[in-house]
Amino acid sequence: MLAHNKTQTSIEEAITKEPTAATDRERVLGVLRRAGDRGLTREEIAQRSGLSENSVRPRCCELLKSGHIKNSDRFAYTKSGHNASVLVVA
């Protein structure tokens, strides 16, 4: 089951999201593979994958934990002007 904060609504959401989480992880990983060594921020991954940023963030966390992707040493600016880490395939 996906991570949750132990509240009933969070547990139910994790159960509901589980079937699409694997597909979303594959989409995120595919977008990062196509980006190559340049990598992408989470915001850019969302734009290119068609997923919402709220879907991309947890999938990136899962892929980071599993070792499929990693943080590069680079940062890029988001639309709002904040620094964001650039992710690459491990």
N, C-alpha and C. Protein backbone atom coordinates (compact mmCIF):
# COMPACT_ATOMS: atom_id res chain seq x y z
N MET A 1 0.84 -1.18 0.00
CA MET A 1 0.00 0.00 0.00
C MET A 1 0.89 1.24 0.00
N LEU A 2 0.40 2.30 -0.61
CA LEU A 2 1.12 3.56 -0.64
C LEU A 2 1.20 4.16 0.75
N ALA A 3 2.12 5.10 0.90
CA ALA A 3 2.28 5.80 2.18
C ALA A 3 1.02 6.60 2.50
N HIS A 4 0.75 6.71 3.79
CA HIS A 4 -0.39 7.49 4.26
C HIS A 4 -0.07 8.02 5.65
N ASN A 5 -0.92 8.92 6.15
CA ASN A 5 -0.65 9.51 7.47
C ASN A 5 -1.46 8.86 8.60
N LYS A 6 -1.97 7.68 8.36
CA LYS A 6 -2.66 6.83 9.34
C LYS A 6 -4.07 7.29 9.70
N THR A 7 -4.59 8.32 9.04
CA THR A 7 -5.99 8.67 9.24
C THR A 7 -6.82 7.81 8.29
N GLN A 8 -8.05 7.60 8.60
CA GLN A 8 -8.91 6.75 7.78
C GLN A 8 -9.01 7.27 6.34
N THR A 9 -9.19 8.57 6.19
CA THR A 9 -9.31 9.11 4.83
C THR A 9 -8.02 8.95 4.05
N SER A 10 -6.88 9.09 4.72
CA SER A 10 -5.60 8.92 4.06
C SER A 10 -5.38 7.46 3.65
N ILE A 11 -5.76 6.55 4.51
CA ILE A 11 -5.64 5.12 4.20
C ILE A 11 -6.52 4.76 3.01
N GLU A 12 -7.75 5.26 3.01
CA GLU A 12 -8.67 4.99 1.91
C GLU A 12 -8.13 5.56 0.60
N GLU A 13 -7.56 6.75 0.64
CA GLU A 13 -6.99 7.37 -0.56
C GLU A 13 -5.81 6.55 -1.08
N ALA A 14 -4.97 6.06 -0.17
CA ALA A 14 -3.82 5.23 -0.57
C ALA A 14 -4.29 3.96 -1.26
N ILE A 15 -5.32 3.36 -0.73
CA ILE A 15 -5.87 2.13 -1.34
C ILE A 15 -6.44 2.42 -2.72
N THR A 16 -7.16 3.54 -2.84
CA THR A 16 -7.78 3.92 -4.11
C THR A 16 -6.72 4.26 -5.16
N LYS A 17 -5.65 4.91 -4.76
CA LYS A 17 -4.62 5.38 -5.69
C LYS A 17 -3.68 4.27 -6.14
N GLU A 18 -3.55 3.20 -5.38
CA GLU A 18 -2.57 2.15 -5.66
C GLU A 18 -2.59 1.65 -7.10
N PRO A 19 -3.75 1.36 -7.70
CA PRO A 19 -3.71 0.84 -9.09
C PRO A 19 -3.11 1.81 -10.10
N THR A 20 -3.28 3.11 -9.91
CA THR A 20 -2.74 4.07 -10.87
C THR A 20 -1.34 4.53 -10.51
N ALA A 21 -0.91 4.29 -9.28
CA ALA A 21 0.42 4.75 -8.86
C ALA A 21 1.51 4.11 -9.70
N ALA A 22 1.38 2.83 -10.00
CA ALA A 22 2.41 2.14 -10.80
C ALA A 22 2.49 2.74 -12.20
N THR A 23 1.35 3.02 -12.79
CA THR A 23 1.31 3.64 -14.12
C THR A 23 1.92 5.03 -14.07
N ASP A 24 1.58 5.79 -13.04
CA ASP A 24 2.14 7.13 -12.89
C ASP A 24 3.65 7.09 -12.70
N ARG A 25 4.14 6.13 -11.92
CA ARG A 25 5.59 5.98 -11.74
C ARG A 25 6.27 5.73 -13.07
N GLU A 26 5.68 4.87 -13.89
CA GLU A 26 6.24 4.58 -15.21
C GLU A 26 6.24 5.81 -16.11
N ARG A 27 5.19 6.62 -16.02
CA ARG A 27 5.14 7.85 -16.82
C ARG A 27 6.24 8.81 -16.39
N VAL A 28 6.41 8.96 -15.08
CA VAL A 28 7.45 9.85 -14.55
C VAL A 28 8.82 9.34 -15.00
N LEU A 29 9.06 8.07 -14.84
CA LEU A 29 10.35 7.49 -15.22
C LEU A 29 10.59 7.63 -16.72
N GLY A 30 9.57 7.43 -17.53
CA GLY A 30 9.71 7.58 -18.98
C GLY A 30 10.07 9.01 -19.38
N VAL A 31 9.42 9.98 -18.75
CA VAL A 31 9.71 11.39 -19.04
C VAL A 31 11.15 11.71 -18.66
N LEU A 32 11.60 11.20 -17.52
CA LEU A 32 12.98 11.45 -17.10
C LEU A 32 13.98 10.74 -18.02
N ARG A 33 13.65 9.56 -18.48
CA ARG A 33 14.54 8.86 -19.42
C ARG A 33 14.70 9.66 -20.71
N ARG A 34 13.60 10.20 -21.20
CA ARG A 34 13.65 10.99 -22.44
C ARG A 34 14.44 12.29 -22.24
N ALA A 35 14.44 12.82 -21.03
CA ALA A 35 15.18 14.06 -20.74
C ALA A 35 16.68 13.81 -20.70
N GLY A 36 17.08 12.58 -20.47
CA GLY A 36 18.50 12.24 -20.44
C GLY A 36 19.24 12.91 -19.30
N ASP A 37 20.52 13.22 -19.56
CA ASP A 37 21.38 13.80 -18.53
C ASP A 37 20.95 15.19 -18.11
N ARG A 38 20.17 15.87 -18.95
CA ARG A 38 19.69 17.21 -18.60
C ARG A 38 18.83 17.15 -17.35
N GLY A 39 17.99 16.09 -17.23
CA GLY A 39 17.10 15.94 -16.10
C GLY A 39 15.96 16.95 -16.12
N LEU A 40 15.10 16.87 -15.12
CA LEU A 40 13.94 17.73 -15.03
C LEU A 40 13.58 18.02 -13.57
N THR A 41 12.95 19.14 -13.35
CA THR A 41 12.38 19.41 -12.03
C THR A 41 11.04 18.69 -11.94
N ARG A 42 10.49 18.61 -10.76
CA ARG A 42 9.17 17.99 -10.59
C ARG A 42 8.11 18.76 -11.38
N GLU A 43 8.24 20.07 -11.41
CA GLU A 43 7.31 20.90 -12.17
C GLU A 43 7.37 20.55 -13.66
N GLU A 44 8.58 20.40 -14.19
CA GLU A 44 8.75 20.05 -15.59
C GLU A 44 8.24 18.64 -15.89
N ILE A 45 8.44 17.73 -14.95
CA ILE A 45 7.92 16.36 -15.11
C ILE A 45 6.40 16.40 -15.23
N ALA A 46 5.76 17.18 -14.38
CA ALA A 46 4.30 17.31 -14.42
C ALA A 46 3.85 17.85 -15.78
N GLN A 47 4.52 18.88 -16.25
CA GLN A 47 4.16 19.48 -17.54
C GLN A 47 4.29 18.48 -18.68
N ARG A 48 5.38 17.75 -18.70
CA ARG A 48 5.64 16.83 -19.81
C ARG A 48 4.85 15.54 -19.73
N SER A 49 4.51 15.12 -18.53
CA SER A 49 3.79 13.85 -18.37
C SER A 49 2.28 14.01 -18.43
N GLY A 50 1.80 15.23 -18.21
CA GLY A 50 0.36 15.45 -18.16
C GLY A 50 -0.24 15.12 -16.81
N LEU A 51 0.60 14.75 -15.85
CA LEU A 51 0.15 14.49 -14.48
C LEU A 51 0.15 15.78 -13.69
N SER A 52 -0.64 15.83 -12.65
CA SER A 52 -0.62 17.00 -11.78
C SER A 52 0.66 16.97 -10.92
N GLU A 53 1.07 18.11 -10.46
CA GLU A 53 2.24 18.14 -9.57
C GLU A 53 1.97 17.36 -8.30
N ASN A 54 0.72 17.34 -7.85
CA ASN A 54 0.36 16.56 -6.66
C ASN A 54 0.46 15.06 -6.90
N SER A 55 0.41 14.62 -8.12
CA SER A 55 0.63 13.21 -8.44
C SER A 55 2.10 12.92 -8.66
N VAL A 56 2.82 13.88 -9.22
CA VAL A 56 4.24 13.69 -9.53
C VAL A 56 5.09 13.62 -8.25
N ARG A 57 4.83 14.48 -7.31
CA ARG A 57 5.68 14.54 -6.11
C ARG A 57 5.80 13.19 -5.38
N PRO A 58 4.67 12.53 -5.04
CA PRO A 58 4.83 11.25 -4.34
C PRO A 58 5.45 10.16 -5.20
N ARG A 59 5.19 10.20 -6.50
CA ARG A 59 5.81 9.19 -7.38
C ARG A 59 7.32 9.41 -7.43
N CYS A 60 7.76 10.66 -7.44
CA CYS A 60 9.20 10.95 -7.41
C CYS A 60 9.81 10.46 -6.10
N CYS A 61 9.12 10.68 -5.00
CA CYS A 61 9.62 10.19 -3.70
C CYS A 61 9.80 8.68 -3.73
N GLU A 62 8.82 7.98 -4.29
CA GLU A 62 8.91 6.52 -4.38
C GLU A 62 10.07 6.10 -5.27
N LEU A 63 10.23 6.77 -6.39
CA LEU A 63 11.32 6.42 -7.31
C LEU A 63 12.69 6.77 -6.73
N LEU A 64 12.77 7.84 -5.94
CA LEU A 64 14.02 8.17 -5.25
C LEU A 64 14.35 7.10 -4.22
N LYS A 65 13.37 6.69 -3.44
CA LYS A 65 13.59 5.66 -2.41
C LYS A 65 14.00 4.33 -3.02
N SER A 66 13.43 4.01 -4.18
CA SER A 66 13.75 2.73 -4.81
C SER A 66 15.06 2.76 -5.59
N GLY A 67 15.64 3.96 -5.73
CA GLY A 67 16.91 4.08 -6.44
C GLY A 67 16.79 4.19 -7.95
N HIS A 68 15.59 4.32 -8.49
CA HIS A 68 15.42 4.44 -9.93
C HIS A 68 15.82 5.82 -10.45
N ILE A 69 15.63 6.84 -9.61
CA ILE A 69 16.03 8.20 -9.98
C ILE A 69 16.86 8.78 -8.84
N LYS A 70 17.52 9.89 -9.12
CA LYS A 70 18.32 10.54 -8.09
C LYS A 70 18.32 12.05 -8.32
N ASN A 71 18.65 12.78 -7.26
CA ASN A 71 18.84 14.22 -7.39
C ASN A 71 20.18 14.47 -8.05
N SER A 72 20.19 15.34 -9.03
CA SER A 72 21.46 15.75 -9.61
C SER A 72 22.02 16.85 -8.71
N ASP A 73 23.15 17.36 -9.04
CA ASP A 73 23.72 18.46 -8.26
C ASP A 73 23.24 19.81 -8.79
N ARG A 74 22.27 19.78 -9.70
CA ARG A 74 21.81 21.01 -10.33
C ARG A 74 20.45 21.45 -9.81
N PHE A 75 20.19 22.71 -9.98
CA PHE A 75 18.90 23.30 -9.61
C PHE A 75 18.41 24.13 -10.78
N ALA A 76 17.10 24.31 -10.86
CA ALA A 76 16.49 25.15 -11.90
C ALA A 76 15.37 25.94 -11.25
N TYR A 77 15.05 27.05 -11.86
CA TYR A 77 13.98 27.89 -11.32
C TYR A 77 12.62 27.38 -11.78
N THR A 78 11.66 27.42 -10.86
CA THR A 78 10.27 27.09 -11.19
C THR A 78 9.59 28.33 -11.76
N LYS A 79 8.35 28.19 -12.20
CA LYS A 79 7.58 29.33 -12.70
C LYS A 79 7.45 30.42 -11.65
N SER A 80 7.37 30.00 -10.39
CA SER A 80 7.20 30.98 -9.30
C SER A 80 8.52 31.58 -8.85
N GLY A 81 9.63 31.17 -9.47
CA GLY A 81 10.93 31.75 -9.16
C GLY A 81 11.70 31.05 -8.06
N HIS A 82 11.21 29.91 -7.59
CA HIS A 82 11.92 29.16 -6.55
C HIS A 82 12.93 28.20 -7.17
N ASN A 83 13.97 27.90 -6.42
CA ASN A 83 14.94 26.91 -6.85
C ASN A 83 14.36 25.52 -6.64
N ALA A 84 14.49 24.66 -7.63
CA ALA A 84 14.02 23.28 -7.53
C ALA A 84 15.14 22.35 -7.95
N SER A 85 15.24 21.21 -7.26
CA SER A 85 16.27 20.25 -7.62
C SER A 85 15.91 19.58 -8.94
N VAL A 86 16.92 19.27 -9.69
CA VAL A 86 16.76 18.58 -10.98
C VAL A 86 16.97 17.09 -10.74
N LEU A 87 16.03 16.29 -11.19
CA LEU A 87 16.08 14.84 -11.03
C LEU A 87 16.56 14.20 -12.31
N VAL A 88 17.30 13.09 -12.19
CA VAL A 88 17.78 12.33 -13.35
C VAL A 88 17.59 10.85 -13.06
N VAL A 89 17.62 10.05 -14.10
CA VAL A 89 17.55 8.60 -13.94
C VAL A 89 18.87 8.14 -13.32
N ALA A 90 18.78 7.25 -12.36
CA ALA A 90 19.99 6.76 -11.66
C ALA A 90 20.74 5.77 -12.53
